[in-house]
Amino acid sequence: MKNLHFKDFFWNADLTSTGGYDAIVQYLNDGKRTCKEVEDFMKARASIEEKYAKDLLGLSKKVCGHNEMNTLKRSLDMFKLQTEHVSLSHLQLAHSLREEAKKLEEFREKQKEARKKVEQHMDVLHKQKASQYKKTMDSKKTYEQKCRDKEEADQNVNRNTNTNNTKHIEKLYAKAQQAKQNAEEADRLYQQNITTVGKVRDEWLKDHIKACEMFEKQSMERINFLRNTVWTHLNLLSQQCVTSDELYEEVRKSFEQCDVQEDIEHFVNLRRTEDKPPAPVVYENFYSGQRAQPGAPPSRLPPLNPRRGPLPDPTDNNDVIYSTVQDAGYSVIQY
C-alpha cells in the first residue's frame, strides 16, 4: 500500500485559497493540544502519587503492635518498614512521572518554535501571493478594457472612412492610435504581472511542499513521542506494582517466620511468676484454733468451748507447768 503524504493531498484549485494549508495547521494545533493534555495528565498523576506517598509514610509511622513481642513483633515491624518503603517507591514514581512530563513539555515547546518560523514564512508568502494575484487580476481587467477601447476606436475609424471631414477623421485616427498604445501598455503590464505572480506561485509551491514535509515529519515525531511517553508512563506504573509486591512479599516472608507457639513460650519464659496455684482458703475457728478440714463446709455455728479445769497448785513440785525458785536473790527483773 502506498503511503499518503501531506504534500500530495492538501492543494486548492484557487491560487489564493489556503484551505489545504489551514487543514494541516489545524491538525498540528490539535496535536499540540493533545501533548499538553497528556502532559497535564501525567503531572496530575504525579501529584496524586506524591500525596499518596506522604499519607502512606505518615501511616507507617503510626503505632502498630508496639506492645507485642518476639516473632509477631518482628513481623509487624517488618510490615511497617515495608509500608514505609512502598511510600518511598511511590514518591520516586511521582518524581519519575514529573520527569517524563517535563520531557514532553520540552518536546512540545521545541516543535512549537520550529513550526513558528515555518508558519511565519508561509503567512508572508500567502499575503504576497494573494496581493500579486489581485494585482494581476486587476491588470487583466484593465488590459481587457483597453483592448475593448481599442476595438471601439478602430470601429469608429472604419465607420467614418468615407466621411469628407478630414479633421474628424484625423481625430478618430489619433484616438484609435492612443487606444492602441493604451492596450499595448496594459498588455505589457498584464504580462509582467503574470510573470511576477508566476514566480510568486513557484516560490510558494516549493515552500508549501517543504512546509508539508516539515509538518508531516513533526506529526510523525509527535505521534511517536506520545506513544513512547505513555508507554513509559505505563511501564513506570507497572514497575511500581512489581516493587510494591516485592516489598509486600518481604512482609509475607516475615509472617511465615511468625511462630505462634514460640511467641506463647517466649511470653511465658519472660513474664512467668510461679508454677503452682494458691492453696485453698480454709476456715479457722477463733476459739478452738482448730482448722476446718479441707473441703468440708464450715458449720453455721462455731462449736462450744469446753469448760477450763482448775488452775494448778504452784506448791506442787511435780507439776511440769509451774515451778518455784529457791534462790532468794532471784528476780525476773534484770538490771
Protein backbone atom coordinates (compact mmCIF):
# COMPACT_ATOMS: atom_id res chain seq x y z
CA MET A 1 0.00 0.00 0.00
CA LYS A 2 1.34 3.40 -0.98
CA ASN A 3 1.98 5.81 1.87
CA LEU A 4 -0.02 9.03 1.84
CA HIS A 5 1.76 12.34 2.33
CA PHE A 6 0.65 15.87 3.17
CA LYS A 7 2.28 17.35 0.07
CA ASP A 8 0.08 15.27 -2.25
CA PHE A 9 -3.37 15.95 -0.82
CA PHE A 10 -3.61 19.49 0.53
CA TRP A 11 -3.82 21.70 -2.54
CA ASN A 12 -6.58 24.00 -3.76
CA ALA A 13 -7.69 24.86 -7.31
CA ASP A 14 -7.97 28.51 -6.29
CA LEU A 15 -4.49 30.03 -6.16
CA THR A 16 -5.45 32.37 -3.31
CA SER A 17 -7.08 29.65 -1.19
CA THR A 18 -5.23 28.37 1.89
CA GLY A 19 -7.78 25.67 2.75
CA GLY A 20 -5.34 22.76 2.47
CA TYR A 21 -2.64 24.53 4.43
CA ASP A 22 -5.15 25.60 7.08
CA ALA A 23 -6.31 21.99 7.48
CA ILE A 24 -2.73 20.88 8.20
CA VAL A 25 -2.15 23.72 10.68
CA GLN A 26 -5.40 22.86 12.48
CA TYR A 27 -4.25 19.24 12.73
CA LEU A 28 -0.93 20.37 14.19
CA ASN A 29 -2.69 22.63 16.70
CA ASP A 30 -4.89 19.72 17.77
CA GLY A 31 -1.77 17.60 18.19
CA LYS A 32 -0.12 20.30 20.28
CA ARG A 33 -3.22 20.43 22.46
CA THR A 34 -3.09 16.65 22.89
CA CYS A 35 0.53 16.88 24.04
CA LYS A 36 -0.47 19.48 26.62
CA GLU A 37 -3.37 17.33 27.82
CA VAL A 38 -1.13 14.26 28.25
CA GLU A 39 1.45 16.43 29.99
CA ASP A 40 -1.17 17.77 32.43
CA PHE A 41 -2.49 14.23 32.97
CA MET A 42 0.97 12.98 33.93
CA LYS A 43 1.58 15.95 36.24
CA ALA A 44 -1.77 15.31 37.95
CA ARG A 45 -0.91 11.61 38.36
CA ALA A 46 2.45 12.60 39.84
CA SER A 47 0.69 14.85 42.37
CA ILE A 48 -1.65 12.00 43.32
CA GLU A 49 1.28 9.61 43.77
CA GLU A 50 3.14 12.19 45.85
CA LYS A 51 0.16 12.79 48.14
CA TYR A 52 -0.41 9.04 48.47
CA ALA A 53 3.28 8.53 49.27
CA LYS A 54 3.21 11.18 52.00
CA ASP A 55 0.00 9.81 53.51
CA LEU A 56 1.43 6.28 53.40
CA LEU A 57 4.66 7.47 55.01
CA GLY A 58 2.68 9.09 57.81
CA LEU A 59 0.71 5.87 58.25
CA SER A 60 3.90 3.82 58.51
CA LYS A 61 4.98 5.97 61.49
CA LYS A 62 1.84 5.20 63.48
CA VAL A 63 2.00 2.82 66.45
CA CYS A 64 1.20 -0.72 65.36
CA GLY A 65 1.93 -3.64 67.66
CA HIS A 66 4.15 -1.61 69.97
CA ASN A 67 3.36 -3.87 72.93
CA GLU A 68 3.84 -7.09 71.04
CA MET A 69 6.95 -9.25 71.44
CA ASN A 70 9.10 -11.85 69.74
CA THR A 71 8.26 -13.13 66.23
CA LEU A 72 4.94 -11.33 65.86
CA LYS A 73 6.60 -8.04 66.85
CA ARG A 74 9.33 -8.61 64.28
CA SER A 75 6.73 -9.31 61.61
CA LEU A 76 4.70 -6.22 62.50
CA ASP A 77 7.89 -4.13 62.46
CA MET A 78 8.65 -5.54 59.02
CA PHE A 79 5.09 -4.68 57.98
CA LYS A 80 5.61 -1.04 58.98
CA LEU A 81 9.10 -0.90 57.46
CA GLN A 82 7.95 -2.21 54.09
CA THR A 83 4.96 0.14 54.17
CA GLU A 84 7.47 2.95 54.54
CA HIS A 85 9.47 1.55 51.60
CA VAL A 86 6.30 1.38 49.50
CA SER A 87 5.63 5.04 50.27
CA LEU A 88 9.17 5.95 49.23
CA SER A 89 8.78 4.00 46.00
CA HIS A 90 5.60 5.94 45.23
CA LEU A 91 7.49 9.15 45.94
CA GLN A 92 10.13 8.03 43.44
CA LEU A 93 7.36 7.21 40.97
CA ALA A 94 5.97 10.75 41.34
CA HIS A 95 9.43 12.15 40.60
CA SER A 96 9.80 9.92 37.51
CA LEU A 97 6.38 10.94 36.22
CA ARG A 98 7.27 14.61 36.56
CA GLU A 99 10.50 13.98 34.65
CA GLU A 100 8.54 12.36 31.81
CA ALA A 101 6.06 15.24 31.79
CA LYS A 102 8.96 17.70 31.62
CA LYS A 103 10.40 15.85 28.61
CA LEU A 104 7.03 16.07 26.91
CA GLU A 105 6.82 19.79 27.67
CA GLU A 106 10.28 20.38 26.21
CA PHE A 107 9.38 18.38 23.11
CA ARG A 108 6.17 20.38 22.67
CA GLU A 109 8.00 23.71 23.02
CA LYS A 110 10.70 22.59 20.59
CA GLN A 111 8.12 21.72 17.95
CA LYS A 112 6.30 24.97 18.63
CA GLU A 113 9.41 27.05 17.92
CA ALA A 114 10.23 25.11 14.75
CA ARG A 115 6.66 25.47 13.47
CA LYS A 116 6.55 29.16 14.31
CA LYS A 117 9.32 30.00 11.82
CA VAL A 118 7.73 28.00 9.02
CA GLU A 119 4.26 29.38 9.67
CA GLN A 120 5.51 32.97 9.72
CA HIS A 121 7.31 32.45 6.40
CA MET A 122 4.25 30.80 4.86
CA ASP A 123 1.98 33.59 6.08
CA VAL A 124 4.23 36.12 4.28
CA LEU A 125 4.09 34.03 1.09
CA HIS A 126 0.31 33.74 1.31
CA LYS A 127 -0.04 37.51 1.60
CA GLN A 128 2.37 38.09 -1.29
CA LYS A 129 0.57 35.52 -3.40
CA ALA A 130 -2.83 36.98 -2.67
CA SER A 131 -1.61 40.55 -3.24
CA GLN A 132 0.15 39.73 -6.51
CA TYR A 133 -2.77 37.67 -7.74
CA LYS A 134 -5.15 40.57 -7.06
CA LYS A 135 -2.77 42.95 -8.80
CA THR A 136 -2.56 40.60 -11.77
CA MET A 137 -6.32 40.21 -12.00
CA ASP A 138 -6.74 43.99 -11.81
CA SER A 139 -4.20 44.43 -14.62
CA LYS A 140 -6.06 41.79 -16.60
CA LYS A 141 -9.29 43.73 -16.25
CA THR A 142 -7.51 46.90 -17.30
CA TYR A 143 -5.94 45.13 -20.25
CA GLU A 144 -9.28 43.73 -21.36
CA GLN A 145 -10.93 47.13 -21.03
CA LYS A 146 -8.14 48.80 -23.01
CA CYS A 147 -8.49 46.17 -25.73
CA ARG A 148 -12.21 46.87 -25.92
CA ASP A 149 -11.48 50.60 -26.11
CA LYS A 150 -9.01 49.97 -28.97
CA GLU A 151 -11.54 47.86 -30.87
CA GLU A 152 -14.18 50.52 -30.43
CA ALA A 153 -11.78 53.22 -31.65
CA ASP A 154 -10.84 51.11 -34.69
CA GLN A 155 -14.52 50.55 -35.47
CA ASN A 156 -15.15 54.30 -35.31
CA VAL A 157 -12.34 54.91 -37.80
CA ASN A 158 -13.68 52.27 -40.14
CA ARG A 159 -17.20 53.60 -39.93
CA ASN A 160 -16.03 57.09 -40.85
CA THR A 161 -13.55 56.29 -43.65
CA ASN A 162 -15.91 57.74 -46.30
CA THR A 163 -16.50 60.93 -44.36
CA ASN A 164 -15.29 64.12 -46.10
CA ASN A 165 -14.48 65.75 -42.77
CA THR A 166 -10.74 65.27 -42.72
CA LYS A 167 -10.32 66.88 -39.34
CA HIS A 168 -12.80 64.48 -37.77
CA ILE A 169 -11.08 61.53 -39.41
CA GLU A 170 -7.72 62.63 -38.08
CA LYS A 171 -9.21 62.98 -34.62
CA LEU A 172 -10.69 59.46 -34.73
CA TYR A 173 -7.43 58.09 -36.06
CA ALA A 174 -5.44 59.76 -33.26
CA LYS A 175 -7.89 58.37 -30.70
CA ALA A 176 -7.51 54.89 -32.17
CA GLN A 177 -3.74 55.18 -32.00
CA GLN A 178 -3.91 56.24 -28.38
CA ALA A 179 -6.25 53.35 -27.61
CA LYS A 180 -3.82 51.01 -29.31
CA GLN A 181 -0.94 52.32 -27.22
CA ASN A 182 -3.01 52.04 -24.06
CA ALA A 183 -3.93 48.49 -24.93
CA GLU A 184 -0.33 47.59 -25.63
CA GLU A 185 0.79 49.15 -22.33
CA ALA A 186 -1.95 47.32 -20.46
CA ASP A 187 -0.94 44.13 -22.23
CA ARG A 188 2.70 44.65 -21.21
CA LEU A 189 1.73 45.35 -17.60
CA TYR A 190 -0.60 42.38 -17.56
CA GLN A 191 2.11 40.06 -18.90
CA GLN A 192 4.58 41.47 -16.39
CA ASN A 193 2.16 40.76 -13.54
CA ILE A 194 1.54 37.27 -14.90
CA THR A 195 5.29 36.67 -14.83
CA THR A 196 5.56 38.05 -11.31
CA VAL A 197 2.64 36.06 -9.96
CA GLY A 198 4.11 33.00 -11.66
CA LYS A 199 7.37 33.50 -9.76
CA VAL A 200 5.46 34.04 -6.51
CA ARG A 201 3.45 30.91 -7.23
CA ASP A 202 6.58 28.85 -7.94
CA GLU A 203 8.22 30.05 -4.72
CA TRP A 204 5.05 29.33 -2.79
CA LEU A 205 4.77 25.86 -4.35
CA LYS A 206 8.28 24.90 -3.27
CA ASP A 207 7.85 26.32 0.22
CA HIS A 208 4.40 24.77 0.58
CA ILE A 209 5.88 21.37 -0.23
CA LYS A 210 8.71 21.98 2.26
CA ALA A 211 6.20 23.08 4.89
CA CYS A 212 4.05 19.99 4.25
CA GLU A 213 7.07 17.73 4.59
CA MET A 214 8.20 19.50 7.75
CA PHE A 215 4.70 19.42 9.27
CA GLU A 216 4.31 15.75 8.36
CA LYS A 217 7.66 14.96 9.98
CA GLN A 218 6.61 16.84 13.11
CA SER A 219 3.32 14.96 13.23
CA MET A 220 5.10 11.62 12.94
CA GLU A 221 7.54 12.65 15.68
CA ARG A 222 4.69 13.84 17.88
CA ILE A 223 2.68 10.63 17.49
CA ASN A 224 5.78 8.51 18.10
CA PHE A 225 6.86 10.61 21.09
CA LEU A 226 3.39 10.50 22.66
CA ARG A 227 3.15 6.75 22.10
CA ASN A 228 6.56 6.17 23.72
CA THR A 229 5.81 8.60 26.55
CA VAL A 230 2.55 6.90 27.51
CA TRP A 231 4.24 3.52 27.09
CA THR A 232 6.97 4.60 29.51
CA HIS A 233 4.29 6.00 31.82
CA LEU A 234 2.59 2.60 31.94
CA ASN A 235 5.92 0.83 32.45
CA LEU A 236 6.59 3.05 35.46
CA LEU A 237 3.19 2.21 36.91
CA SER A 238 3.70 -1.50 36.26
CA GLN A 239 7.14 -1.39 37.85
CA GLN A 240 5.61 0.32 40.86
CA CYS A 241 3.20 -2.60 41.20
CA VAL A 242 6.10 -5.05 40.95
CA THR A 243 8.13 -3.07 43.50
CA SER A 244 5.19 -2.90 45.90
CA ASP A 245 4.57 -6.63 45.53
CA GLU A 246 8.25 -7.38 46.22
CA LEU A 247 8.13 -5.23 49.35
CA TYR A 248 4.90 -6.84 50.49
CA GLU A 249 6.47 -10.26 49.83
CA GLU A 250 9.09 -9.40 52.44
CA VAL A 251 6.26 -8.86 54.90
CA ARG A 252 4.70 -12.20 53.94
CA LYS A 253 8.05 -13.94 54.42
CA SER A 254 8.36 -12.31 57.83
CA PHE A 255 4.93 -13.57 58.84
CA GLU A 256 5.90 -17.04 57.66
CA GLN A 257 8.57 -16.91 60.38
CA CYS A 258 5.99 -15.84 62.94
CA ASP A 259 5.59 -18.90 65.24
CA VAL A 260 2.51 -18.87 67.42
CA GLN A 261 3.79 -21.47 69.90
CA GLU A 262 7.19 -19.80 70.09
CA ASP A 263 5.59 -16.46 70.92
CA ILE A 264 3.49 -18.08 73.64
CA GLU A 265 6.55 -19.79 75.14
CA HIS A 266 8.56 -16.56 74.86
CA PHE A 267 5.94 -14.72 76.85
CA VAL A 268 5.76 -17.50 79.45
CA ASN A 269 9.53 -17.55 79.96
CA LEU A 270 9.77 -13.77 80.04
CA ARG A 271 6.91 -12.98 82.39
CA ARG A 272 6.32 -16.19 84.38
CA THR A 273 5.60 -15.83 88.10
CA GLU A 274 5.00 -19.16 89.97
CA ASP A 275 4.20 -22.62 88.73
CA LYS A 276 1.65 -23.56 91.49
CA PRO A 277 -1.74 -22.09 92.24
CA PRO A 278 -2.53 -20.69 95.68
CA ALA A 279 -3.76 -23.11 98.41
CA PRO A 280 -7.48 -23.18 99.22
CA VAL A 281 -8.60 -20.72 101.86
CA VAL A 282 -9.71 -22.78 104.97
CA TYR A 283 -11.89 -21.91 107.88
CA GLU A 284 -10.01 -21.20 111.16
CA ASN A 285 -12.02 -21.24 114.42
CA PHE A 286 -11.19 -18.28 116.53
CA TYR A 287 -11.91 -20.09 119.79
CA SER A 288 -10.53 -23.54 119.29
CA GLY A 289 -7.70 -22.71 116.96
CA GLN A 290 -8.63 -25.83 115.08
CA ARG A 291 -8.60 -25.70 111.35
CA ALA A 292 -11.55 -26.90 109.45
CA GLN A 293 -10.97 -29.95 107.32
CA PRO A 294 -10.08 -29.08 103.77
CA GLY A 295 -13.07 -29.27 101.59
CA ALA A 296 -15.52 -29.52 104.49
CA PRO A 297 -18.15 -26.80 104.53
CA PRO A 298 -17.97 -24.56 107.59
CA SER A 299 -20.69 -25.10 110.16
CA ARG A 300 -23.21 -22.41 110.71
CA LEU A 301 -22.33 -22.05 114.44
CA PRO A 302 -18.87 -22.44 115.99
CA PRO A 303 -18.50 -25.42 118.40
CA LEU A 304 -18.81 -24.68 122.10
CA ASN A 305 -15.53 -24.43 124.00
CA PRO A 306 -15.14 -26.98 126.85
CA ARG A 307 -15.02 -25.57 130.38
CA ARG A 308 -11.50 -24.90 131.63
CA GLY A 309 -10.20 -27.00 134.59
CA PRO A 310 -8.89 -25.60 137.95
CA LEU A 311 -5.59 -23.78 137.99
CA PRO A 312 -2.62 -25.91 139.14
CA ASP A 313 -1.13 -25.53 142.62
CA PRO A 314 2.19 -23.74 142.43
CA THR A 315 3.44 -25.58 145.53
CA ASP A 316 3.18 -28.87 143.78
CA ASN A 317 6.72 -29.68 142.76
CA ASN A 318 5.65 -32.46 140.49
CA ASP A 319 3.76 -30.04 138.22
CA VAL A 320 5.63 -29.55 134.96
CA ILE A 321 3.88 -26.33 134.27
CA TYR A 322 4.85 -24.26 137.28
CA SER A 323 7.94 -24.33 139.49
CA THR A 324 9.30 -22.36 142.48
CA VAL A 325 12.66 -20.67 142.68
CA GLN A 326 14.65 -21.42 145.91
CA ASP A 327 17.25 -18.66 145.36
CA ALA A 328 16.15 -15.66 147.45
CA GLY A 329 18.17 -13.31 145.24
CA TYR A 330 16.45 -14.32 142.01
CA SER A 331 14.27 -11.80 140.30
CA VAL A 332 12.58 -11.74 136.95
CA ILE A 333 13.67 -8.09 136.58
CA GLN A 334 17.11 -7.81 135.05
CA TYR A 335 19.26 -4.76 135.78
